[in-house]
Amino acid sequence: MAVARIYRPTKTAMQSGRAKTHKWVLDYEQATQRHPDPLMGWISAGDTLNQLHLSFDTLEEAVAYAQKRGLDYVVAPPQERIDKPKAYADNFRYDRPRWPAG
């Protein structure tokens, strides 16, 4: 059976806020190789576990789900966000580094 991966998703590049990044997701690693469909050209795989994405409110719920069903799982720790406080007035500071003159 495929290995389940439990992680907390990061925000996408098209997203300015942090919506949909607070829940934990359980999905399966790819078990079979993908191949193009000769008629339509779509990429397909032999297993349907790739389509399954379960979301949980907490990490403990996701781990309990995997253990209850006897799944092999890997937990990926979330990458915490580093907030850098910024102010518009900092653009006009006297000691701000400037472009090299020349």
C-alpha atoms as a PDB file:
ATOM      1  CA  MET A   1       0.000   0.000   0.000  1.00  0.00           C
ATOM      2  CA  ALA A   2       1.140   3.555  -0.666  1.00  0.00           C
ATOM      3  CA  VAL A   3       2.600   5.722   2.054  1.00  0.00           C
ATOM      4  CA  ALA A   4       0.352   8.474   3.394  1.00  0.00           C
ATOM      5  CA  ARG A   5       1.813  11.944   3.830  1.00  0.00           C
ATOM      6  CA  ILE A   6       0.493  14.277   6.522  1.00  0.00           C
ATOM      7  CA  TYR A   7       1.366  17.947   6.174  1.00  0.00           C
ATOM      8  CA  ARG A   8       0.060  21.466   6.597  1.00  0.00           C
ATOM      9  CA  PRO A   9      -0.055  23.196   3.184  1.00  0.00           C
ATOM     10  CA  THR A  10       1.705  26.491   2.568  1.00  0.00           C
ATOM     11  CA  LYS A  11       0.083  29.401   0.816  1.00  0.00           C
ATOM     12  CA  THR A  12       0.261  29.433  -2.951  1.00  0.00           C
ATOM     13  CA  ALA A  13       2.046  32.077  -4.989  1.00  0.00           C
ATOM     14  CA  MET A  14      -1.323  33.422  -6.108  1.00  0.00           C
ATOM     15  CA  GLN A  15      -2.489  33.901  -2.538  1.00  0.00           C
ATOM     16  CA  SER A  16      -1.799  36.975  -0.432  1.00  0.00           C
ATOM     17  CA  GLY A  17      -3.509  35.736   2.716  1.00  0.00           C
ATOM     18  CA  ARG A  18      -3.082  32.562   4.736  1.00  0.00           C
ATOM     19  CA  ALA A  19      -6.458  30.974   4.008  1.00  0.00           C
ATOM     20  CA  LYS A  20      -6.500  27.167   3.689  1.00  0.00           C
ATOM     21  CA  THR A  21      -3.155  26.839   5.482  1.00  0.00           C
ATOM     22  CA  HIS A  22      -4.410  26.042   8.984  1.00  0.00           C
ATOM     23  CA  LYS A  23      -5.736  22.525   8.404  1.00  0.00           C
ATOM     24  CA  TRP A  24      -3.651  19.367   8.138  1.00  0.00           C
ATOM     25  CA  VAL A  25      -3.900  17.323   4.925  1.00  0.00           C
ATOM     26  CA  LEU A  26      -3.477  13.593   4.459  1.00  0.00           C
ATOM     27  CA  ASP A  27      -2.755  12.398   0.939  1.00  0.00           C
ATOM     28  CA  TYR A  28      -0.978   9.433  -0.578  1.00  0.00           C
ATOM     29  CA  GLU A  29       2.377   9.271  -2.306  1.00  0.00           C
ATOM     30  CA  GLN A  30       2.270   8.288  -5.957  1.00  0.00           C
ATOM     31  CA  ALA A  31       2.215   4.478  -6.100  1.00  0.00           C
ATOM     32  CA  THR A  32       2.164   3.910  -9.852  1.00  0.00           C
ATOM     33  CA  GLN A  33       3.840   5.682 -12.714  1.00  0.00           C
ATOM     34  CA  ARG A  34       1.802   8.247 -14.638  1.00  0.00           C
ATOM     35  CA  HIS A  35       1.465   7.905 -18.380  1.00  0.00           C
ATOM     36  CA  PRO A  36      -0.257   9.924 -21.118  1.00  0.00           C
ATOM     37  CA  ASP A  37      -3.540   8.685 -22.479  1.00  0.00           C
ATOM     38  CA  PRO A  38      -3.001   7.954 -26.199  1.00  0.00           C
ATOM     39  CA  LEU A  39      -6.387   9.308 -27.317  1.00  0.00           C
ATOM     40  CA  MET A  40      -6.826  12.498 -25.282  1.00  0.00           C
ATOM     41  CA  GLY A  41      -3.248  13.149 -24.168  1.00  0.00           C
ATOM     42  CA  TRP A  42      -4.246  13.526 -20.519  1.00  0.00           C
ATOM     43  CA  ILE A  43      -1.916  12.213 -17.850  1.00  0.00           C
ATOM     44  CA  SER A  44      -3.401   9.285 -15.935  1.00  0.00           C
ATOM     45  CA  ALA A  45      -2.349   6.769 -13.302  1.00  0.00           C
ATOM     46  CA  GLY A  46      -3.477   3.278 -12.434  1.00  0.00           C
ATOM     47  CA  ASP A  47      -4.366   3.947  -8.813  1.00  0.00           C
ATOM     48  CA  THR A  48      -7.108   6.221  -7.518  1.00  0.00           C
ATOM     49  CA  LEU A  49      -5.420   7.037  -4.201  1.00  0.00           C
ATOM     50  CA  ASN A  50      -3.807  10.065  -5.853  1.00  0.00           C
ATOM     51  CA  GLN A  51      -7.241  11.696  -5.950  1.00  0.00           C
ATOM     52  CA  LEU A  52      -7.823  11.378  -2.204  1.00  0.00           C
ATOM     53  CA  HIS A  53      -7.062  14.450  -0.068  1.00  0.00           C
ATOM     54  CA  LEU A  54      -8.416  14.416   3.480  1.00  0.00           C
ATOM     55  CA  SER A  55      -8.237  17.488   5.698  1.00  0.00           C
ATOM     56  CA  PHE A  56      -8.160  17.512   9.495  1.00  0.00           C
ATOM     57  CA  ASP A  57      -8.281  20.306  12.058  1.00  0.00           C
ATOM     58  CA  THR A  58      -5.330  18.999  14.076  1.00  0.00           C
ATOM     59  CA  LEU A  59      -2.274  16.852  13.529  1.00  0.00           C
ATOM     60  CA  GLU A  60      -3.457  14.417  16.192  1.00  0.00           C
ATOM     61  CA  GLU A  61      -6.693  13.753  14.276  1.00  0.00           C
ATOM     62  CA  ALA A  62      -4.777  13.007  11.085  1.00  0.00           C
ATOM     63  CA  VAL A  63      -2.339  10.669  12.845  1.00  0.00           C
ATOM     64  CA  ALA A  64      -5.197   8.900  14.649  1.00  0.00           C
ATOM     65  CA  TYR A  65      -6.973   8.375  11.310  1.00  0.00           C
ATOM     66  CA  ALA A  66      -3.849   6.849   9.762  1.00  0.00           C
ATOM     67  CA  GLN A  67      -3.168   4.610  12.772  1.00  0.00           C
ATOM     68  CA  LYS A  68      -6.781   3.439  12.986  1.00  0.00           C
ATOM     69  CA  ARG A  69      -6.649   2.265   9.374  1.00  0.00           C
ATOM     70  CA  GLY A  70      -3.155   0.779   9.662  1.00  0.00           C
ATOM     71  CA  LEU A  71      -1.565   3.145   7.148  1.00  0.00           C
ATOM     72  CA  ASP A  72       2.140   3.816   6.871  1.00  0.00           C
ATOM     73  CA  TYR A  73       2.483   7.569   7.200  1.00  0.00           C
ATOM     74  CA  VAL A  74       5.085  10.319   7.254  1.00  0.00           C
ATOM     75  CA  VAL A  75       4.509  13.626   9.035  1.00  0.00           C
ATOM     76  CA  ALA A  76       6.101  16.669   7.406  1.00  0.00           C
ATOM     77  CA  PRO A  77       6.623  19.448   9.977  1.00  0.00           C
ATOM     78  CA  PRO A  78       5.137  22.792   8.948  1.00  0.00           C
ATOM     79  CA  GLN A  79       7.412  25.619   7.911  1.00  0.00           C
ATOM     80  CA  GLU A  80       6.661  28.475  10.234  1.00  0.00           C
ATOM     81  CA  ARG A  81       6.297  31.916   8.763  1.00  0.00           C
ATOM     82  CA  ILE A  82       8.849  34.572   9.708  1.00  0.00           C
ATOM     83  CA  ASP A  83       7.204  37.971  10.008  1.00  0.00           C
ATOM     84  CA  LYS A  84       9.438  40.916   9.223  1.00  0.00           C
ATOM     85  CA  PRO A  85       7.816  44.123  10.439  1.00  0.00           C
ATOM     86  CA  LYS A  86       7.998  46.807   7.800  1.00  0.00           C
ATOM     87  CA  ALA A  87       6.934  50.422   7.654  1.00  0.00           C
ATOM     88  CA  TYR A  88       6.474  52.642   4.631  1.00  0.00           C
ATOM     89  CA  ALA A  89       8.481  55.359   6.354  1.00  0.00           C
ATOM     90  CA  ASP A  90      11.561  53.086   6.293  1.00  0.00           C
ATOM     91  CA  ASN A  91      11.826  53.788   2.545  1.00  0.00           C
ATOM     92  CA  PHE A  92      12.803  57.374   3.388  1.00  0.00           C
ATOM     93  CA  ARG A  93      15.217  56.781   6.290  1.00  0.00           C
ATOM     94  CA  TYR A  94      18.410  58.788   6.243  1.00  0.00           C
ATOM     95  CA  ASP A  95      20.627  55.756   6.976  1.00  0.00           C
ATOM     96  CA  ARG A  96      18.960  53.563   4.334  1.00  0.00           C
ATOM     97  CA  PRO A  97      21.429  51.814   1.995  1.00  0.00           C
ATOM     98  CA  ARG A  98      21.401  53.454  -1.434  1.00  0.00           C
ATOM     99  CA  TRP A  99      22.266  52.157  -4.890  1.00  0.00           C
ATOM    100  CA  PRO A 100      25.936  52.565  -5.694  1.00  0.00           C
ATOM    101  CA  ALA A 101      26.648  55.875  -7.328  1.00  0.00           C
ATOM    102  CA  GLY A 102      28.256  55.666 -10.680  1.00  0.00           C
END
